[in-house]
Protein backbone atom coordinates (compact mmCIF):
# COMPACT_ATOMS: atom_id res chain seq x y z
CA MET A 1 0.00 0.00 0.00
CA ALA A 2 1.38 3.38 -1.00
CA PHE A 3 1.52 6.25 1.49
CA PRO A 4 1.16 9.94 0.64
CA GLU A 5 4.47 11.35 -0.54
CA ARG A 6 3.92 14.56 1.44
CA PHE A 7 4.75 12.64 4.65
CA SER A 8 7.85 10.93 3.27
CA ASN A 9 10.29 13.60 4.46
CA LEU A 10 8.98 13.69 8.02
CA PRO A 11 11.08 11.65 10.47
CA GLU A 12 9.52 9.51 13.15
CA TYR A 13 7.94 11.38 16.06
CA VAL A 14 10.37 12.44 18.77
CA PHE A 15 9.41 10.06 21.57
CA PRO A 16 9.54 6.81 19.54
CA ARG A 17 12.98 8.02 18.37
CA LEU A 18 14.00 8.58 21.98
CA ARG A 19 12.86 5.08 22.96
CA ALA A 20 14.80 3.59 20.07
CA LEU A 21 17.92 5.45 21.24
CA LEU A 22 17.72 4.64 24.96
CA ASP A 23 15.71 1.49 25.54
CA PRO A 24 18.33 -0.99 24.22
CA HIS A 25 20.59 0.15 27.09
CA PRO A 26 20.05 -0.35 30.83
CA PRO A 27 19.70 2.86 32.86
CA GLY A 28 22.58 3.89 35.09
CA GLY A 29 20.30 4.59 38.05
CA ASP A 30 16.68 5.07 39.03
CA VAL A 31 14.75 6.17 35.94
CA VAL A 32 13.98 9.89 35.93
CA HIS A 33 11.74 11.33 33.23
CA MET A 34 12.81 14.84 32.20
CA SER A 35 12.07 14.40 28.50
CA ILE A 36 8.42 15.40 28.33
CA GLY A 37 6.75 18.65 29.40
CA GLU A 38 3.96 17.04 31.42
CA PRO A 39 3.26 19.31 34.42
CA LYS A 40 3.41 17.56 37.79
CA HIS A 41 2.27 20.37 40.10
CA PRO A 42 -1.01 19.87 41.98
CA PHE A 43 -4.07 21.22 40.23
CA PRO A 44 -6.88 22.88 42.22
CA GLY A 45 -8.76 20.34 44.34
CA TRP A 46 -12.10 21.86 43.41
CA VAL A 47 -11.70 20.76 39.80
CA SER A 48 -12.74 17.23 40.73
CA ASP A 49 -15.74 18.59 42.61
CA VAL A 50 -16.92 20.60 39.62
CA ILE A 51 -16.64 17.57 37.35
CA ALA A 52 -18.52 15.39 39.83
CA GLU A 53 -21.25 17.98 40.32
CA ASN A 54 -21.83 18.06 36.57
CA ALA A 55 -21.31 14.35 35.88
CA ALA A 56 -24.86 13.94 34.58
CA GLU A 57 -23.81 16.00 31.56
CA PHE A 58 -21.64 13.12 30.39
CA GLY A 59 -25.00 11.90 29.10
CA ARG A 60 -25.21 14.80 26.62
CA TYR A 61 -23.38 15.54 23.40
CA PRO A 62 -21.15 18.53 24.21
CA PRO A 63 -21.32 21.73 22.16
CA ASN A 64 -18.72 21.39 19.44
CA ASP A 65 -17.31 24.91 19.81
CA GLY A 66 -17.60 25.16 23.59
CA SER A 67 -20.53 26.06 25.80
CA PRO A 68 -21.61 29.71 25.85
CA GLU A 69 -20.40 29.90 29.45
CA LEU A 70 -16.96 28.51 28.58
CA ARG A 71 -16.48 30.83 25.61
CA ALA A 72 -17.55 33.76 27.78
CA ALA A 73 -15.03 32.76 30.47
CA ILE A 74 -12.29 32.58 27.84
CA SER A 75 -13.13 35.95 26.32
CA ASP A 76 -13.23 37.48 29.82
CA TRP A 77 -9.77 36.06 30.53
CA ILE A 78 -8.41 37.43 27.23
CA SER A 79 -9.82 40.85 28.16
CA LYS A 80 -8.23 40.82 31.61
CA ARG A 81 -4.90 39.33 30.55
CA PHE A 82 -4.32 41.11 27.23
CA ASN A 83 -6.79 44.02 27.27
CA VAL A 84 -8.42 42.72 24.07
CA SER A 85 -12.20 42.53 23.69
CA LEU A 86 -13.48 39.64 21.61
CA ASP A 87 -16.97 38.43 20.80
CA ALA A 88 -17.37 35.10 22.59
CA ASP A 89 -19.81 33.81 19.98
CA THR A 90 -17.80 34.58 16.83
CA GLN A 91 -14.14 34.98 17.82
CA VAL A 92 -13.47 32.14 20.28
CA VAL A 93 -13.60 28.33 19.92
CA SER A 94 -12.74 25.84 22.64
CA LEU A 95 -10.29 23.09 21.73
CA ASN A 96 -9.49 19.58 22.85
CA GLY A 97 -5.99 20.78 23.68
CA THR A 98 -4.00 23.19 21.53
CA ARG A 99 -2.42 20.45 19.41
CA GLU A 100 -5.81 19.76 17.85
CA GLY A 101 -6.30 23.43 17.06
CA LEU A 102 -2.79 24.02 15.70
CA PHE A 103 -3.31 21.10 13.31
CA ASN A 104 -6.90 21.73 12.23
CA ALA A 105 -6.50 25.49 11.80
CA CYS A 106 -3.89 24.84 9.13
CA ILE A 107 -6.29 22.54 7.29
CA ALA A 108 -9.10 25.07 7.58
CA LEU A 109 -7.09 28.09 6.49
CA CYS A 110 -4.39 26.80 4.14
CA PRO A 111 -6.34 25.23 1.30
CA GLU A 112 -4.49 23.23 -1.33
CA LYS A 113 -3.97 25.94 -3.91
CA THR A 114 -1.22 28.08 -5.30
CA LYS A 115 -0.01 31.43 -4.09
CA GLN A 116 1.90 33.70 -6.45
CA GLY A 117 1.38 30.89 -8.98
CA LYS A 118 3.46 28.46 -6.92
CA ARG A 119 3.06 25.95 -4.11
CA PRO A 120 2.08 27.71 -0.86
CA VAL A 121 4.55 27.92 2.00
CA VAL A 122 4.13 27.36 5.74
CA LEU A 123 6.88 28.92 7.86
CA VAL A 124 7.96 26.85 10.87
CA PRO A 125 10.43 27.80 13.62
CA ASN A 126 13.42 25.50 13.86
CA PRO A 127 13.52 23.79 16.42
CA PHE A 128 9.74 23.46 16.82
CA TYR A 129 6.70 21.68 18.23
CA GLN A 130 6.23 18.77 15.85
CA VAL A 131 2.55 19.31 15.03
CA TYR A 132 3.43 22.41 12.99
CA ALA A 133 5.24 20.35 10.37
CA ILE A 134 2.66 17.58 10.09
CA ALA A 135 -0.09 20.17 9.70
CA ALA A 136 1.80 21.83 6.85
CA ALA A 137 2.53 18.49 5.22
CA THR A 138 -1.12 17.48 5.47
CA VAL A 139 -2.24 20.43 3.34
CA GLY A 140 0.55 19.82 0.84
CA ALA A 141 2.36 23.08 1.58
CA GLU A 142 6.08 23.57 1.27
CA ILE A 143 7.59 23.69 4.75
CA VAL A 144 10.23 26.38 5.19
CA TYR A 145 12.13 26.00 8.44
CA VAL A 146 13.29 29.28 9.99
CA PRO A 147 16.23 28.79 12.39
CA ALA A 148 15.82 30.03 15.96
CA THR A 149 19.37 30.15 17.28
CA GLU A 150 21.32 31.89 20.01
CA SER A 151 22.30 34.62 17.55
CA SER A 152 18.61 35.49 17.00
CA GLY A 153 17.71 35.29 20.68
CA PHE A 154 16.32 31.77 20.14
CA LEU A 155 13.41 33.25 18.17
CA PRO A 156 12.92 32.62 14.44
CA ASP A 157 14.27 35.40 12.25
CA PHE A 158 11.40 35.61 9.79
CA HIS A 159 12.89 38.78 8.29
CA SER A 160 15.80 36.69 6.98
CA VAL A 161 13.48 34.63 4.77
CA PRO A 162 13.78 35.68 1.09
CA ALA A 163 11.01 38.00 -0.09
CA ASP A 164 9.85 35.63 -2.84
CA VAL A 165 9.37 32.89 -0.24
CA LEU A 166 7.48 35.24 2.10
CA ASP A 167 5.22 36.17 -0.81
CA ARG A 168 4.20 32.49 -1.07
CA ALA A 169 3.65 32.09 2.66
CA GLU A 170 0.12 31.32 3.81
CA ILE A 171 0.85 30.66 7.50
CA ALA A 172 3.71 31.28 9.90
CA TYR A 173 3.84 29.41 13.20
CA LEU A 174 5.35 31.13 16.23
CA CYS A 175 5.69 29.74 19.76
CA SER A 176 6.23 32.31 22.52
CA PRO A 177 7.39 31.55 25.15
CA SER A 178 9.13 29.10 22.88
CA ASN A 179 9.35 25.35 23.11
CA PRO A 180 12.09 24.25 23.60
CA GLN A 181 14.21 27.34 24.37
CA GLY A 182 11.95 29.43 26.61
CA ALA A 183 12.52 32.62 24.60
CA VAL A 184 9.88 35.35 24.78
CA ALA A 185 8.82 37.42 21.77
CA ASP A 186 8.57 40.97 23.10
CA ARG A 187 6.38 43.77 21.78
CA GLU A 188 9.00 44.98 19.31
CA TYR A 189 9.51 41.51 17.87
CA LEU A 190 5.77 40.84 17.55
CA ALA A 191 5.10 44.24 15.99
CA GLY A 192 7.77 43.64 13.37
CA PHE A 193 6.43 40.16 12.70
CA ILE A 194 2.87 41.42 12.24
CA LYS A 195 4.04 44.14 9.86
CA LEU A 196 5.94 41.52 7.87
CA ALA A 197 2.78 39.39 7.69
CA GLU A 198 0.81 42.39 6.44
CA LYS A 199 3.42 43.18 3.80
CA HIS A 200 3.51 39.62 2.44
CA ASP A 201 -0.09 38.67 3.22
CA PHE A 202 0.20 35.63 5.47
CA ARG A 203 -1.48 34.58 8.71
CA ILE A 204 0.29 34.18 12.05
CA PHE A 205 -0.54 31.16 14.20
CA SER A 206 0.72 32.21 17.63
CA ASP A 207 1.13 29.24 19.98
CA GLU A 208 1.03 30.86 23.42
CA CYS A 209 0.37 27.84 25.62
CA TYR A 210 3.36 28.65 27.89
CA SER A 211 2.41 32.30 28.35
CA GLU A 212 1.47 32.00 32.03
CA ILE A 213 4.74 30.37 33.12
CA TYR A 214 7.23 33.21 33.43
CA ARG A 215 9.67 34.73 35.89
CA ASP A 216 9.08 38.46 35.91
CA THR A 217 7.28 40.12 33.00
CA PRO A 218 4.07 38.62 31.56
CA PRO A 219 4.72 37.75 27.91
CA PRO A 220 2.58 39.72 25.46
CA SER A 221 0.15 38.11 23.03
CA ALA A 222 0.35 38.54 19.27
CA LEU A 223 -3.34 39.44 19.37
CA GLN A 224 -2.65 42.18 21.91
CA ILE A 225 0.04 43.71 19.72
CA ALA A 226 -2.15 43.44 16.62
CA VAL A 227 -4.86 45.46 18.38
CA ASP A 228 -2.31 48.05 19.49
CA LEU A 229 -1.10 48.37 15.89
CA GLY A 230 -4.62 48.55 14.47
CA ALA A 231 -3.88 45.45 12.38
CA ASP A 232 -6.58 43.25 10.88
CA LEU A 233 -7.41 40.55 13.44
CA GLU A 234 -7.92 38.11 10.57
CA ARG A 235 -4.12 38.19 10.39
CA ILE A 236 -3.72 36.53 13.83
CA LEU A 237 -4.86 33.40 15.62
CA ILE A 238 -3.74 32.69 19.20
CA PHE A 239 -3.77 29.27 20.85
CA HIS A 240 -3.88 28.76 24.62
CA SER A 241 -4.24 25.80 26.96
CA LEU A 242 -5.01 24.83 30.54
CA SER A 243 -2.32 22.11 30.41
CA LYS A 244 0.55 24.34 31.56
CA ARG A 245 -1.35 27.28 33.06
CA SER A 246 -3.35 25.06 35.41
CA SER A 247 -1.24 21.86 35.50
CA LEU A 248 -4.04 19.91 33.82
CA PRO A 249 -2.61 18.26 30.69
CA GLY A 250 -5.14 15.43 30.96
CA LEU A 251 -8.11 17.79 30.87
CA ARG A 252 -7.39 18.40 27.16
CA SER A 253 -8.82 21.88 27.24
CA GLY A 254 -7.69 24.95 25.34
CA PHE A 255 -8.92 27.54 22.87
CA VAL A 256 -8.20 29.39 19.65
CA ALA A 257 -9.18 33.04 19.24
CA GLY A 258 -8.91 35.64 16.51
CA GLY A 259 -10.84 37.25 13.68
CA ALA A 260 -14.41 36.11 13.13
CA GLY A 261 -13.70 35.08 9.54
CA ASN A 262 -10.89 32.70 10.51
CA ILE A 263 -12.85 31.35 13.45
CA GLY A 264 -15.84 30.76 11.17
CA GLU A 265 -13.72 28.60 8.85
CA ILE A 266 -12.35 26.63 11.81
CA LYS A 267 -15.90 26.06 13.04
CA LYS A 268 -16.92 24.68 9.65
CA LEU A 269 -14.14 22.09 9.80
CA ARG A 270 -14.73 21.21 13.45
CA ALA A 271 -18.41 20.55 12.72
CA TYR A 272 -17.19 17.49 10.83
CA SER A 273 -13.88 16.57 12.43
CA GLY A 274 -13.71 18.27 15.82
CA ALA A 275 -13.40 16.44 19.13
CA PRO A 276 -15.46 18.54 21.57
CA ILE A 277 -14.64 18.56 25.27
CA PRO A 278 -17.15 16.61 27.42
CA LEU A 279 -19.49 19.02 29.18
CA PRO A 280 -18.38 18.25 32.77
CA LEU A 281 -14.83 19.10 31.68
CA GLN A 282 -16.08 22.27 30.02
CA ARG A 283 -17.70 23.27 33.32
CA ALA A 284 -14.37 22.80 35.10
CA SER A 285 -12.63 24.77 32.35
CA GLU A 286 -15.04 27.68 32.85
CA LYS A 287 -14.00 27.91 36.50
CA LEU A 288 -10.31 27.54 35.71
CA TRP A 289 -10.22 30.41 33.21
CA ALA A 290 -12.03 32.57 35.77
CA ASP A 291 -9.56 31.84 38.59
CA GLU A 292 -6.05 33.29 38.80
CA THR A 293 -5.16 32.26 42.35
CA HIS A 294 -4.04 28.76 41.37
CA VAL A 295 -2.10 30.17 38.40
CA VAL A 296 -0.07 32.49 40.64
CA ILE A 297 0.77 29.56 42.94
CA ASN A 298 1.71 27.35 40.00
CA ARG A 299 3.91 30.02 38.43
CA ALA A 300 5.74 30.62 41.72
CA LEU A 301 6.73 26.95 41.85
CA TYR A 302 8.35 27.21 38.43
CA VAL A 303 10.13 30.42 39.37
CA GLU A 304 11.64 28.66 42.38
CA LYS A 305 12.94 25.89 40.12
CA PHE A 306 14.44 28.27 37.59
CA ASP A 307 16.14 30.21 40.38
CA MET A 308 17.46 26.91 41.74
CA ALA A 309 18.73 25.94 38.25
CA ASP A 310 20.65 29.23 38.18
CA GLN A 311 22.45 28.08 41.33
CA VAL A 312 23.10 24.55 40.09
CA PHE A 313 24.69 25.80 36.86
CA ALA A 314 26.38 28.89 38.31
CA GLY A 315 29.82 29.24 36.78
CA GLN A 316 29.10 26.82 33.96
CA GLN A 317 30.10 28.66 30.80
CA GLY A 318 27.48 28.71 28.07
CA VAL A 319 24.60 27.55 30.28
CA SER A 320 21.74 29.97 30.83
CA THR A 321 18.22 29.51 32.09
CA PRO A 322 15.16 30.93 30.32
CA GLN A 323 12.71 33.58 31.43
CA ALA A 324 9.61 31.50 30.69
CA GLY A 325 8.27 28.06 29.82
CA LEU A 326 8.94 24.62 31.29
CA PHE A 327 12.33 23.68 29.87
CA LEU A 328 16.05 24.11 30.09
CA TRP A 329 17.81 24.23 26.71
CA LEU A 330 21.29 23.08 27.65
CA PRO A 331 24.32 23.22 25.35
CA VAL A 332 26.20 19.98 24.63
CA ASP A 333 28.64 18.81 21.97
CA ASP A 334 26.25 16.25 20.48
CA SER A 335 22.62 15.98 21.57
CA GLU A 336 22.17 12.23 20.96
CA ALA A 337 25.51 11.32 22.49
CA ALA A 338 24.83 13.45 25.57
CA THR A 339 21.33 12.00 25.97
CA LEU A 340 22.65 8.44 25.75
CA LYS A 341 25.53 9.14 28.14
CA LEU A 342 23.16 10.67 30.68
CA TRP A 343 20.82 7.66 30.45
CA LYS A 344 23.55 5.03 30.74
CA GLU A 345 25.31 6.75 33.64
CA THR A 346 22.41 8.24 35.67
CA GLY A 347 19.03 6.93 34.41
CA ILE A 348 17.87 10.45 33.51
CA ARG A 349 15.87 10.71 30.27
CA VAL A 350 16.08 14.01 28.38
CA LEU A 351 15.30 14.85 24.77
CA PRO A 352 18.01 15.38 22.13
CA GLY A 353 17.59 18.82 20.64
CA GLU A 354 18.19 17.53 17.13
CA TYR A 355 14.92 15.57 17.34
CA LEU A 356 13.09 18.89 17.63
CA GLY A 357 14.91 20.48 14.70
CA ARG A 358 15.50 19.92 11.00
CA GLU A 359 18.70 20.25 9.03
CA THR A 360 18.80 23.34 6.84
CA ASN A 361 21.89 24.52 4.98
CA GLY A 362 23.81 21.60 6.44
CA GLN A 363 23.00 22.39 10.06
CA ASN A 364 20.38 21.30 12.58
CA PRO A 365 20.00 24.12 15.18
CA GLY A 366 19.07 21.60 17.87
CA SER A 367 22.08 19.29 17.43
CA ASN A 368 24.11 20.92 20.20
CA TYR A 369 21.40 21.10 22.85
CA ILE A 370 19.28 18.87 25.05
CA ARG A 371 15.81 19.77 26.32
CA VAL A 372 15.24 19.19 30.02
CA ALA A 373 11.71 19.41 31.43
CA MET A 374 11.42 21.22 34.78
CA VAL A 375 8.07 19.71 35.73
CA ALA A 376 8.70 17.60 38.84
CA PRO A 377 8.73 18.98 42.42
CA LYS A 378 11.62 21.33 43.22
CA ASP A 379 13.63 18.97 45.42
CA ASP A 380 13.49 16.22 42.80
CA VAL A 381 14.49 18.62 40.02
CA GLN A 382 17.39 19.97 42.09
CA ARG A 383 18.73 16.48 42.81
CA ASP A 384 18.45 15.42 39.18
CA LEU A 385 19.96 18.60 37.74
CA ILE A 386 23.00 18.14 39.99
CA LYS A 387 23.36 14.59 38.62
CA LEU A 388 22.97 15.92 35.08
CA ARG A 389 25.53 18.66 35.65
CA ASP A 390 28.08 16.31 37.16
CA CYS A 391 27.61 13.84 34.30
CA LEU A 392 27.75 16.23 31.36
CA TYR A 393 29.70 19.28 32.53
CA SER A 394 32.93 20.07 34.32
CA LEU A 395 32.72 23.22 36.40
CA GLY A 396 35.42 25.81 36.59
């Protein structure tokens, strides 16, 4: 049986690749999982109560685009957090996690057609969250990887893309705070990006699911900057989740918001292919978007761990900790070799940076880094980072 050629250039997903690398070898100690960004902090105890109180609604088909109450809670949160007023009925859709939305939005808004008489382009940061590439491949677009390296502040330099390529772009994905590096796109960066999108007529898909995990300054939203600039909101879609903000990855609850035209097209697709959130989980989501107390507590736990990481790696040349997100992006000579060494000598599982990147111009921007998830309790993370440091680095 033949498979679609558009998937032929996509390597195996990162975690099967990691298992193939590590599992043939015994661990060098108790197994520690620092490879996946699955939050481990406690979520609010009342979430279970809300679900139980509304359990009878498991007997109903849930609204495909989110209950009116949930969409209202989301639009209220957007207003408070970003000072942007959106119509809950036409500019917000709930999602079964942001991965679903980041994939389906590309299908809904990047039809298989030509632009400038040629194959359309989807711009993808490099390294990147893997769903961006599979979404682009699904619609048959040409994927153009835009390196996000130390020299560009670990954010993709979209302005370096040739003008003729930008003219063919339909969609550009951006993750801020970024996965894996934890870089934050500030107001100046986002304003320049939006102006570039206006000049070359492409949409921005802004993946902001890490926006509530930060040290000092709340990261801005692309939608917020678009409003400040007076830009067309059909230019921007933002994607958010309760997975990181509320430590509830298993709730599978997020949203996409933006211009009514784009949201309308997404709704058309989701009417056929969407996976709506069960109503009891929507009821819990309503309460979560309306509550900031648990978010402040959650964020403080991450700040403690990043401050602790500063101490663990103090004096280690080339190592820096990010201002936001869940991960450390640590420099190594070879990401696979370092990952395997760490596993065989300590039992710690991390993710080779090259698995999150693609080779362009003979270089994979993730090859000299490993991604380390800072999701476990502080004392556990401190112990394991010391083991990692002593295994991979020599201080002084």
